[in-house]
């Protein structure tokens, strides 16, 4: 049978009597002595400090066995007691925080194995010592991030595996709640870092394999690579001279700020494209030019050589064919805006070139080749140890959108001379008496036959970093190389735009 006990308390009158020390007639009434806790069995006891109240089993006047200890603030413990102490399996609620713990206790503290649930969100299941996470366990925080591994002094410490809110995963060493030592990070985007850590960031030797396919191997400091590439450099002379219709090779290096090759980088994707010098027509209306269709127009690209250029196609016999327009589109940087343009070329008609050889082995050049599919090169390369090479690169013929046109009004009286372009019959650009297509244009201009190779002149080769997504969140600046195309069978330099038309016969070249 359950016994219930209550603690006797003094009355106000009794206290007053005790303080006054009055006569017997004023003596306080008799009081029950304070109740003692039950000796054995089950009972309820309110301690002299009314903050505590126990309802449960007793042995030898002590809490022993199963019981529930309630606190005046609403907290409680329910579970096993041993010799008056909270020891064994039980459940604890802290009213101030709302946290709960179910598991093993020793002398009133969570110790051993248990499950702690946090009111703010998350939980911990694992080993504890003196109420702190210690040993091996599984922690889920209020953001849903999960950690499996070792703990020390309530912190992640030792070997552990964590899944972050953004989907990243880490396996490796921890020191005082930070990634430190050796570890592997698997990012949600597919990138992977394997190497040394310090202070929760990449630090020391490590390798980052980016989701784009780019790789960096080497030293890291405070999360940044020490020998990171900062620029693209095209090797070779300041100006590359190439014979008309011939192929050429472009060798590229990724360099650090110091100028050293970034040999620790692999896999960046570099794209090669070309441009031809852009000029304003009014000052050079007496020479040939390209009229560009509306759909093929683009804003001139600024170069470091003091002039602008517009996109020009590349092609190669080694790659699959593309339509000429597709070849042109492949040379354009998608980040560049588009607008109206016209392209001017000064021609070397004095050399009588009507059909220019393409420079492709086994092929004959003729205007009929204009309608065929040109061969566009594989215009992208992946970097290996900070280097890349584009072989067998050629400038293609002007695409269909670029219509060669010749102004003849100012040159009619000079057809027998060679001044200002030296235009005459039998040369690349026909005269008005025999224009291509059998008819003259009312504006005094005649369409020229399409060429099978690039005109001699000034061009630009561009190497662009198109790694996607950008490696280390950084896209390298585009590199430029000045290219001069010389007339077939001559080493004569093209006309330099800005000097005006040369009175002597020169190879065809883009003018200013």
Protein backbone atom coordinates (compact mmCIF):
# COMPACT_ATOMS: atom_id res chain seq x y z
CA UNK A 1 0.00 0.00 0.00
CA UNK A 2 1.36 3.42 -0.97
CA UNK A 3 2.30 5.75 1.83
CA UNK A 4 2.24 9.51 1.36
CA UNK A 5 4.25 11.95 3.45
CA UNK A 6 4.25 15.72 3.71
CA UNK A 7 6.76 18.10 5.20
CA UNK A 8 5.37 19.98 8.24
CA UNK A 9 5.88 23.74 8.25
CA UNK A 10 5.80 26.33 10.99
CA UNK A 11 2.80 28.60 11.25
CA UNK A 12 3.09 32.39 11.39
CA UNK A 13 1.75 32.45 14.93
CA UNK A 14 4.22 29.89 16.07
CA UNK A 15 7.08 31.97 14.76
CA UNK A 16 5.83 35.03 16.48
CA UNK A 17 5.52 33.17 19.75
CA UNK A 18 8.96 31.83 19.52
CA UNK A 19 10.28 35.31 18.89
CA UNK A 20 8.40 36.90 21.87
CA UNK A 21 9.18 34.24 24.46
CA UNK A 22 5.74 34.90 26.15
CA UNK A 23 3.92 33.22 29.04
CA UNK A 24 2.63 29.69 28.92
CA UNK A 25 -0.77 31.01 27.99
CA UNK A 26 0.83 32.48 24.91
CA UNK A 27 2.83 29.42 23.93
CA UNK A 28 2.39 28.15 20.35
CA UNK A 29 0.25 25.15 19.63
CA UNK A 30 1.91 21.78 19.29
CA UNK A 31 3.25 21.02 15.76
CA UNK A 32 3.80 17.76 13.96
CA UNK A 33 7.50 17.06 13.58
CA UNK A 34 8.83 17.22 9.98
CA UNK A 35 7.95 14.12 8.02
CA UNK A 36 10.81 11.83 7.05
CA UNK A 37 11.01 10.15 3.66
CA UNK A 38 9.57 6.70 3.48
CA UNK A 39 11.87 3.92 4.46
CA UNK A 40 10.97 1.30 1.88
CA UNK A 41 8.39 0.73 -0.81
CA UNK A 42 6.80 3.41 -2.89
CA UNK A 43 5.87 6.89 -1.80
CA UNK A 44 5.78 10.62 -2.45
CA UNK A 45 8.10 12.98 -0.68
CA UNK A 46 8.43 16.77 -0.84
CA UNK A 47 11.90 17.84 0.25
CA UNK A 48 12.55 20.62 2.74
CA UNK A 49 13.57 22.60 -0.32
CA UNK A 50 10.17 22.53 -2.02
CA UNK A 51 11.84 22.84 -5.42
CA UNK A 52 12.14 19.04 -5.46
CA UNK A 53 9.44 16.42 -5.26
CA UNK A 54 9.93 12.70 -5.67
CA UNK A 55 7.37 10.08 -6.49
CA UNK A 56 8.70 6.56 -6.71
CA UNK A 57 10.43 3.64 -5.07
CA UNK A 58 12.47 3.82 -1.86
CA UNK A 59 14.99 1.61 -0.15
CA UNK A 60 16.48 2.32 3.23
CA UNK A 61 15.06 5.84 3.20
CA UNK A 62 16.66 6.66 -0.17
CA UNK A 63 15.33 6.94 -3.69
CA UNK A 64 16.08 3.59 -5.22
CA UNK A 65 14.51 1.87 -8.20
CA UNK A 66 12.06 3.46 -10.60
CA UNK A 67 10.80 6.93 -9.87
CA UNK A 68 10.16 10.46 -11.04
CA UNK A 69 11.88 13.52 -9.65
CA UNK A 70 10.03 16.74 -10.41
CA UNK A 71 11.43 20.26 -10.27
CA UNK A 72 9.37 23.31 -9.48
CA UNK A 73 10.34 25.01 -12.81
CA UNK A 74 8.74 22.16 -14.76
CA UNK A 75 11.86 20.10 -15.37
CA UNK A 76 11.87 16.45 -14.42
CA UNK A 77 13.78 13.18 -14.50
CA UNK A 78 12.06 9.86 -14.83
CA UNK A 79 13.89 6.59 -14.67
CA UNK A 80 16.26 4.63 -12.50
CA UNK A 81 17.67 5.71 -9.12
CA UNK A 82 20.47 4.06 -7.17
CA UNK A 83 21.09 4.91 -3.50
CA UNK A 84 19.44 8.30 -3.80
CA UNK A 85 21.22 9.26 -7.04
CA UNK A 86 20.03 9.57 -10.63
CA UNK A 87 21.92 6.64 -12.11
CA UNK A 88 20.92 4.18 -14.81
CA UNK A 89 18.49 4.48 -17.68
CA UNK A 90 16.16 7.42 -17.71
CA UNK A 91 14.66 10.44 -19.40
CA UNK A 92 15.38 14.08 -18.56
CA UNK A 93 13.59 17.29 -19.57
CA UNK A 94 15.12 20.74 -19.10
CA UNK A 95 12.28 23.25 -18.91
CA UNK A 96 14.51 26.28 -19.57
CA UNK A 97 15.71 25.02 -22.96
CA UNK A 98 13.07 22.47 -23.86
CA UNK A 99 15.79 19.90 -24.61
CA UNK A 100 15.21 16.26 -23.72
CA UNK A 101 17.58 13.36 -23.16
CA UNK A 102 16.89 9.66 -23.06
CA UNK A 103 19.66 7.28 -22.16
CA UNK A 104 22.21 6.48 -19.52
CA UNK A 105 22.88 8.63 -16.44
CA UNK A 106 25.60 8.64 -13.79
CA UNK A 107 25.21 10.74 -10.64
CA UNK A 108 22.57 12.96 -12.19
CA UNK A 109 24.36 13.65 -15.49
CA UNK A 110 23.89 12.14 -18.93
CA UNK A 111 26.77 9.73 -19.33
CA UNK A 112 27.17 6.70 -21.55
CA UNK A 113 24.95 6.25 -24.57
CA UNK A 114 21.83 8.25 -25.21
CA UNK A 115 19.69 10.44 -27.42
CA UNK A 116 19.55 14.21 -26.94
CA UNK A 117 16.80 16.11 -28.73
CA UNK A 118 17.10 19.87 -29.06
CA UNK A 119 14.01 22.06 -29.01
CA UNK A 120 15.67 24.47 -31.48
CA UNK A 121 15.98 21.57 -33.92
CA UNK A 122 18.28 18.64 -34.46
CA UNK A 123 19.45 15.83 -32.23
CA UNK A 124 22.49 13.92 -31.05
CA UNK A 125 22.70 10.18 -30.60
CA UNK A 126 25.86 8.68 -29.22
CA UNK A 127 28.27 8.71 -26.33
CA UNK A 128 28.38 11.37 -23.62
CA UNK A 129 30.49 12.18 -20.55
CA UNK A 130 29.31 14.58 -17.83
CA UNK A 131 26.55 15.73 -20.12
CA UNK A 132 28.88 16.55 -23.04
CA UNK A 133 29.30 14.78 -26.36
CA UNK A 134 32.36 12.58 -26.02
CA UNK A 135 33.34 9.58 -28.12
CA UNK A 136 31.47 8.43 -31.18
CA UNK A 137 28.10 9.78 -32.19
CA UNK A 138 25.71 11.13 -34.78
CA UNK A 139 24.78 14.83 -34.69
CA UNK A 140 22.09 16.52 -36.77
CA UNK A 141 21.89 20.29 -36.33
CA UNK A 142 18.87 22.56 -36.71
CA UNK A 143 19.70 23.13 -40.39
CA UNK A 144 19.60 19.41 -41.14
CA UNK A 145 23.37 19.04 -41.50
CA UNK A 146 24.51 15.63 -40.29
CA UNK A 147 27.80 14.44 -38.79
CA UNK A 148 28.93 10.92 -37.97
CA UNK A 149 32.19 10.50 -36.14
CA UNK A 150 34.26 11.31 -33.09
CA UNK A 151 33.59 14.01 -30.50
CA UNK A 152 35.67 15.54 -27.74
CA UNK A 153 34.51 18.10 -25.20
CA UNK A 154 31.20 18.46 -27.02
CA UNK A 155 32.89 19.27 -30.38
CA UNK A 156 33.60 17.35 -33.55
CA UNK A 157 37.13 16.10 -33.08
CA UNK A 158 38.96 13.21 -34.75
CA UNK A 159 37.72 11.25 -37.74
CA UNK A 160 34.29 12.14 -39.04
CA UNK A 161 31.94 12.32 -41.99
CA UNK A 162 29.62 15.28 -42.54
CA UNK A 163 26.85 16.09 -44.99
CA UNK A 164 26.22 19.81 -45.34
CA UNK A 165 23.00 21.62 -46.05
CA UNK A 166 24.09 22.50 -49.61
CA UNK A 167 24.74 18.84 -50.43
CA UNK A 168 28.52 18.88 -49.93
CA UNK A 169 30.07 15.88 -48.14
CA UNK A 170 33.31 15.72 -46.18
CA UNK A 171 35.25 12.74 -44.87
CA UNK A 172 38.39 13.23 -42.85
CA UNK A 173 39.99 14.82 -39.82
CA UNK A 174 38.41 17.34 -37.44
CA UNK A 175 39.94 19.49 -34.71
CA UNK A 176 37.66 21.43 -32.33
CA UNK A 177 34.72 21.59 -34.72
CA UNK A 178 36.82 22.50 -37.77
CA UNK A 179 38.13 20.46 -40.67
CA UNK A 180 41.84 20.10 -40.08
CA UNK A 181 44.36 17.50 -41.17
CA UNK A 182 43.65 15.31 -44.18
CA UNK A 183 40.24 15.05 -45.75
CA UNK A 184 38.17 14.68 -48.89
CA UNK A 185 35.41 17.10 -49.87
CA UNK A 186 32.74 15.96 -52.34
CA UNK A 187 30.86 19.00 -53.54
CA UNK A 188 27.27 18.86 -54.67
CA UNK A 189 28.26 20.14 -58.12
CA UNK A 190 30.54 17.14 -58.68
CA UNK A 191 33.84 18.80 -57.76
CA UNK A 192 36.21 16.97 -55.40
CA UNK A 193 39.06 18.16 -53.20
CA UNK A 194 41.48 15.71 -51.64
CA UNK A 195 44.29 16.94 -49.45
CA UNK A 196 45.24 18.96 -46.40
CA UNK A 197 43.01 21.27 -44.37
CA UNK A 198 43.54 23.90 -41.69
CA UNK A 199 41.00 26.14 -40.03
CA UNK A 200 38.15 24.64 -42.08
CA UNK A 201 39.70 25.61 -45.47
CA UNK A 202 42.05 24.04 -48.03
CA UNK A 203 45.57 24.50 -46.71
CA UNK A 204 48.70 22.55 -47.64
CA UNK A 205 49.08 20.06 -50.47
CA UNK A 206 45.89 19.11 -52.22
CA UNK A 207 44.14 18.39 -55.49
CA UNK A 208 40.90 19.96 -56.66
CA UNK A 209 39.10 18.17 -59.47
CA UNK A 210 36.51 20.63 -60.71
CA UNK A 211 33.13 19.65 -62.12
CA UNK A 212 34.17 21.27 -65.40
CA UNK A 213 37.01 18.75 -65.76
CA UNK A 214 39.71 21.22 -64.75
CA UNK A 215 42.23 20.08 -62.12
CA UNK A 216 44.64 21.90 -59.83
CA UNK A 217 47.39 20.04 -57.99
CA UNK A 218 49.66 21.85 -55.60
CA UNK A 219 49.86 24.05 -52.54
CA UNK A 220 46.91 25.87 -51.01
CA UNK A 221 46.89 28.70 -48.47
CA UNK A 222 43.71 29.91 -46.79
CA UNK A 223 41.55 28.16 -49.35
CA UNK A 224 43.31 29.57 -52.43
CA UNK A 225 45.80 27.84 -54.76
CA UNK A 226 49.33 29.19 -54.53
CA UNK A 227 50.28 28.56 -58.18
CA UNK A 228 46.97 29.39 -59.86
CA UNK A 229 46.92 30.45 -63.53
CA UNK A 230 46.08 34.11 -63.99
CA UNK A 231 46.56 34.66 -67.71
CA UNK A 232 46.72 32.95 -71.11
CA UNK A 233 49.85 33.57 -73.16
CA UNK A 234 50.17 32.71 -76.87
CA UNK A 235 53.78 31.83 -77.61
CA UNK A 236 55.70 33.02 -80.64
CA UNK A 237 56.74 36.32 -82.19
CA UNK A 238 54.80 39.49 -81.57
CA UNK A 239 53.38 39.23 -85.08
CA UNK A 240 52.95 35.84 -86.76
CA UNK A 241 53.38 35.78 -90.55
CA UNK A 242 51.53 33.03 -92.43
CA UNK A 243 51.41 32.31 -96.14
CA UNK A 244 47.98 32.54 -97.71
CA UNK A 245 46.12 29.23 -97.47
CA UNK A 246 48.73 27.67 -95.17
CA UNK A 247 48.06 26.14 -91.79
CA UNK A 248 49.82 27.20 -88.63
CA UNK A 249 50.19 26.06 -85.02
CA UNK A 250 49.22 28.06 -81.95
CA UNK A 251 51.00 27.12 -78.71
CA UNK A 252 49.53 28.39 -75.47
CA UNK A 253 50.63 28.56 -71.85
CA UNK A 254 48.71 29.30 -68.69
CA UNK A 255 50.92 31.52 -66.58
CA UNK A 256 50.93 32.76 -63.01
CA UNK A 257 51.32 36.41 -62.11
CA UNK A 258 55.06 35.76 -61.84
CA UNK A 259 55.21 34.56 -65.44
CA UNK A 260 55.86 30.95 -64.48
CA UNK A 261 53.85 28.25 -66.19
CA UNK A 262 50.96 27.00 -64.07
CA UNK A 263 52.02 23.37 -64.46
CA UNK A 264 49.69 22.29 -61.67
CA UNK A 265 46.63 23.00 -63.81
CA UNK A 266 45.02 20.52 -66.19
CA UNK A 267 41.73 20.43 -68.00
CA UNK A 268 40.80 24.06 -68.52
CA UNK A 269 38.95 24.37 -71.82
CA UNK A 270 40.46 26.88 -74.23
CA UNK A 271 38.74 27.89 -77.45
CA UNK A 272 40.50 29.32 -80.48
CA UNK A 273 38.83 31.88 -82.72
CA UNK A 274 39.91 34.49 -85.20
CA UNK A 275 39.07 37.99 -86.30
CA UNK A 276 39.96 40.23 -89.20
CA UNK A 277 40.92 43.85 -88.80
CA UNK A 278 37.88 46.11 -88.76
CA UNK A 279 38.03 49.43 -90.61
CA UNK A 280 35.75 52.33 -91.46
CA UNK A 281 34.95 52.41 -95.18
CA UNK A 282 34.66 56.12 -96.06
CA UNK A 283 38.42 56.75 -96.11
CA UNK A 284 39.03 53.58 -98.14
CA UNK A 285 36.04 53.48 -100.45
CA UNK A 286 38.34 53.02 -103.45
CA UNK A 287 39.39 49.54 -102.30
CA UNK A 288 37.50 46.30 -101.97
CA UNK A 289 35.46 45.56 -98.84
CA UNK A 290 33.05 43.06 -97.36
CA UNK A 291 29.43 43.97 -96.96
CA UNK A 292 28.13 41.88 -94.06
CA UNK A 293 24.59 40.56 -94.03
CA UNK A 294 22.36 41.73 -91.21
CA UNK A 295 22.19 38.28 -89.62
CA UNK A 296 25.98 38.02 -89.54
CA UNK A 297 26.77 41.39 -88.06
CA UNK A 298 28.65 41.78 -84.84
CA UNK A 299 30.22 44.56 -82.84
CA UNK A 300 33.97 44.93 -83.40
CA UNK A 301 36.16 43.28 -80.79
CA UNK A 302 38.78 45.46 -79.16
CA UNK A 303 42.33 44.11 -79.38
CA UNK A 304 45.53 45.17 -77.62
CA UNK A 305 47.12 46.06 -80.98
CA UNK A 306 45.49 49.45 -81.42
CA UNK A 307 42.71 48.31 -83.74
CA UNK A 308 39.44 46.41 -83.58
CA UNK A 309 38.54 43.19 -85.33
CA UNK A 310 35.40 41.33 -86.31
CA UNK A 311 34.84 37.59 -86.15
CA UNK A 312 36.32 35.48 -88.92
CA UNK A 313 35.97 31.69 -89.40
CA UNK A 314 38.65 29.05 -89.02
CA UNK A 315 38.65 25.73 -90.82
CA UNK A 316 40.69 22.56 -91.09
CA UNK A 317 40.66 19.38 -93.21
CA UNK A 318 40.89 17.25 -90.08
CA UNK A 319 37.51 18.05 -88.59
CA UNK A 320 33.96 17.49 -89.68
CA UNK A 321 32.29 19.97 -91.98
CA UNK A 322 30.12 22.86 -90.96
CA UNK A 323 28.20 25.34 -92.97
CA UNK A 324 30.16 28.54 -93.51
CA UNK A 325 27.75 30.45 -91.32
CA UNK A 326 28.17 27.88 -88.56
CA UNK A 327 31.91 28.23 -88.89
CA UNK A 328 31.58 31.97 -88.43
CA UNK A 329 29.29 31.57 -85.45
CA UNK A 330 31.80 29.25 -83.80
CA UNK A 331 34.39 32.01 -83.84
CA UNK A 332 32.24 34.44 -81.96
CA UNK A 333 32.53 34.92 -78.24
CA UNK A 334 28.99 34.49 -76.86
CA UNK A 335 29.73 37.13 -74.26
CA UNK A 336 30.29 39.82 -76.91
CA UNK A 337 27.38 42.05 -78.02
CA UNK A 338 26.35 42.25 -81.64
CA UNK A 339 25.62 45.18 -83.94
CA UNK A 340 26.21 46.50 -87.45
CA UNK A 341 29.59 46.30 -89.19
CA UNK A 342 31.33 46.44 -92.55
CA UNK A 343 34.71 44.93 -93.28
CA UNK A 344 37.21 46.46 -95.72
CA UNK A 345 40.10 44.75 -97.47
CA UNK A 346 42.77 46.22 -99.70
CA UNK A 347 43.47 43.77 -102.51
CA UNK A 348 46.62 42.72 -104.27
CA UNK A 349 45.01 42.55 -107.67
CA UNK A 350 48.31 43.35 -109.33
CA UNK A 351 49.24 39.70 -108.90
CA UNK A 352 46.25 38.52 -110.93
CA UNK A 353 44.77 36.12 -108.40
CA UNK A 354 41.33 35.04 -109.53
CA UNK A 355 41.12 31.72 -107.70
CA UNK A 356 43.18 31.48 -104.52
CA UNK A 357 44.40 28.01 -103.50
CA UNK A 358 42.85 26.75 -100.31
CA UNK A 359 46.01 25.22 -98.99
CA UNK A 360 44.26 21.91 -98.27
CA UNK A 361 46.08 18.87 -99.55
CA UNK A 362 44.35 17.10 -102.42
CA UNK A 363 41.83 19.87 -103.02
CA UNK A 364 41.55 22.23 -105.94
CA UNK A 365 40.34 25.73 -105.33
CA UNK A 366 37.59 27.26 -107.36
CA UNK A 367 34.58 29.47 -106.79
CA UNK A 368 32.44 26.33 -106.81
CA UNK A 369 33.91 25.39 -103.45
CA UNK A 370 32.07 28.34 -101.91
CA UNK A 371 28.85 26.39 -101.63
CA UNK A 372 30.45 23.32 -100.08
CA UNK A 373 30.66 22.61 -96.40
CA UNK A 374 33.99 23.88 -95.07
CA UNK A 375 35.83 21.89 -92.47
CA UNK A 376 35.77 23.65 -89.11
CA UNK A 377 38.59 22.72 -86.72
CA UNK A 378 38.09 21.27 -83.31
CA UNK A 379 38.24 24.71 -81.81
CA UNK A 380 38.66 23.68 -78.17
CA UNK A 381 41.54 22.08 -76.30
CA UNK A 382 41.99 21.00 -72.72
CA UNK A 383 45.08 22.22 -70.94
CA UNK A 384 47.71 19.70 -69.82
CA UNK A 385 50.22 20.83 -67.20
CA UNK A 386 49.50 24.45 -68.00
CA UNK A 387 49.95 24.06 -71.77
CA UNK A 388 47.82 23.57 -74.87
CA UNK A 389 48.44 23.46 -78.60
CA UNK A 390 46.18 24.04 -81.59
CA UNK A 391 47.65 22.35 -84.66
CA UNK A 392 46.79 22.67 -88.35
CA UNK A 393 44.87 25.91 -87.85
CA UNK A 394 43.75 27.72 -91.00
CA UNK A 395 41.80 30.82 -91.80
CA UNK A 396 38.79 29.87 -93.87
CA UNK A 397 37.39 31.71 -96.86
CA UNK A 398 35.04 34.60 -96.19
CA UNK A 399 31.67 33.06 -95.26
CA UNK A 400 28.51 33.62 -97.31
CA UNK A 401 27.39 36.42 -95.04
CA UNK A 402 30.49 38.38 -96.02
CA UNK A 403 29.89 39.54 -99.61
CA UNK A 404 33.01 40.90 -101.37
CA UNK A 405 32.16 44.13 -103.19
CA UNK A 406 34.40 46.40 -105.30
CA UNK A 407 33.90 50.13 -105.75
CA UNK A 408 34.89 51.02 -109.31
CA UNK A 409 33.84 54.62 -109.85
CA UNK A 410 37.06 56.08 -108.49
CA UNK A 411 39.23 53.51 -110.22
CA UNK A 412 37.85 53.46 -113.76
CA UNK A 413 40.45 55.89 -115.00
CA UNK A 414 43.25 53.95 -113.31
CA UNK A 415 42.59 50.44 -114.56
CA UNK A 416 45.87 50.37 -116.48
CA UNK A 417 47.87 51.72 -113.56
CA UNK A 418 48.78 50.04 -110.31
CA UNK A 419 48.24 52.97 -107.96
CA UNK A 420 45.92 52.73 -104.94
CA UNK A 421 45.39 49.01 -105.15
CA UNK A 422 46.34 48.53 -108.78
CA UNK A 423 42.99 47.07 -109.82
CA UNK A 424 42.86 45.84 -113.38
CA UNK A 425 41.30 43.24 -115.62
CA UNK A 426 42.10 39.61 -115.07
CA UNK A 427 42.61 40.03 -111.34
CA UNK A 428 40.75 38.81 -108.28
CA UNK A 429 38.10 41.52 -108.47
CA UNK A 430 36.47 41.81 -111.93
CA UNK A 431 35.86 45.15 -113.58
CA UNK A 432 32.44 46.60 -114.34
CA UNK A 433 32.47 45.32 -117.89
CA UNK A 434 32.38 41.70 -116.74
CA UNK A 435 30.99 41.44 -113.20
CA UNK A 436 30.23 38.05 -111.67
CA UNK A 437 26.67 37.05 -112.47
CA UNK A 438 26.67 38.96 -115.78
CA UNK A 439 25.17 42.23 -114.54
CA UNK A 440 26.39 45.48 -113.12
CA UNK A 441 25.22 46.97 -109.86
CA UNK A 442 23.46 50.34 -110.16
CA UNK A 443 25.47 51.78 -107.27
CA UNK A 444 28.73 51.42 -109.14
CA UNK A 445 29.89 48.35 -107.22
CA UNK A 446 30.39 44.87 -108.57
CA UNK A 447 30.23 41.65 -106.61
CA UNK A 448 33.47 39.73 -106.53
CA UNK A 449 33.80 36.02 -106.91
CA UNK A 450 34.03 34.22 -103.60
CA UNK A 451 37.53 33.26 -102.54
CA UNK A 452 38.62 29.78 -101.51
CA UNK A 453 40.97 31.06 -98.81
CA UNK A 454 41.41 34.09 -96.62
CA UNK A 455 42.58 37.26 -98.32
CA UNK A 456 46.07 38.43 -97.42
CA UNK A 457 45.85 40.96 -94.64
CA UNK A 458 45.83 41.54 -90.90
CA UNK A 459 44.01 39.11 -88.67
CA UNK A 460 43.88 38.27 -84.99
CA UNK A 461 43.94 34.88 -83.28
CA UNK A 462 42.13 34.74 -79.94
CA UNK A 463 42.32 32.12 -77.21
CA UNK A 464 39.42 32.26 -74.79
CA UNK A 465 38.85 30.43 -71.52
CA UNK A 466 35.45 28.75 -71.94
CA UNK A 467 35.68 26.41 -68.96
CA UNK A 468 32.12 25.93 -67.75
CA UNK A 469 31.44 26.54 -64.98
CA UNK A 470 34.48 28.80 -64.50
CA UNK A 471 37.34 27.05 -62.72
CA UNK A 472 37.76 28.41 -59.18
CA UNK A 473 35.04 30.95 -60.07
CA UNK A 474 37.52 32.78 -62.31
CA UNK A 475 37.59 33.03 -66.11
CA UNK A 476 40.99 33.88 -67.54
CA UNK A 477 41.21 36.96 -69.78
CA UNK A 478 41.24 36.31 -73.52
CA UNK A 479 44.68 36.22 -75.16
CA UNK A 480 45.34 37.80 -78.57
CA UNK A 481 47.99 37.20 -81.24
CA UNK A 482 48.51 39.49 -84.24
CA UNK A 483 48.49 37.44 -87.46
CA UNK A 484 49.53 38.60 -90.93
CA UNK A 485 48.52 36.58 -93.97
CA UNK A 486 50.97 37.03 -96.85
CA UNK A 487 50.12 36.52 -100.50
CA UNK A 488 50.78 33.05 -101.84
CA UNK A 489 54.38 32.74 -102.99
CA UNK A 490 55.51 36.07 -101.56
CA UNK A 491 56.95 37.31 -98.34
CA UNK A 492 55.72 40.82 -99.00
CA UNK A 493 54.06 42.29 -95.93
CA UNK A 494 50.45 43.38 -96.18
CA UNK A 495 49.45 46.99 -96.22
CA UNK A 496 49.31 48.45 -92.69
CA UNK A 497 46.01 50.14 -92.11
CA UNK A 498 46.22 53.72 -90.99
CA UNK A 499 48.88 54.67 -93.53
CA UNK A 500 46.42 55.13 -96.39
CA UNK A 501 46.46 53.14 -99.63
CA UNK A 502 49.98 52.38 -100.78
CA UNK A 503 50.88 53.79 -104.21
CA UNK A 504 52.78 50.56 -104.95
CA UNK A 505 51.09 47.21 -105.57
CA UNK A 506 50.68 45.37 -102.26
CA UNK A 507 49.08 42.15 -101.11
CA UNK A 508 45.41 42.32 -100.20
CA UNK A 509 44.93 43.37 -96.59
CA UNK A 510 42.21 44.70 -94.30
CA UNK A 511 42.42 48.49 -94.22
CA UNK A 512 41.53 50.99 -91.57
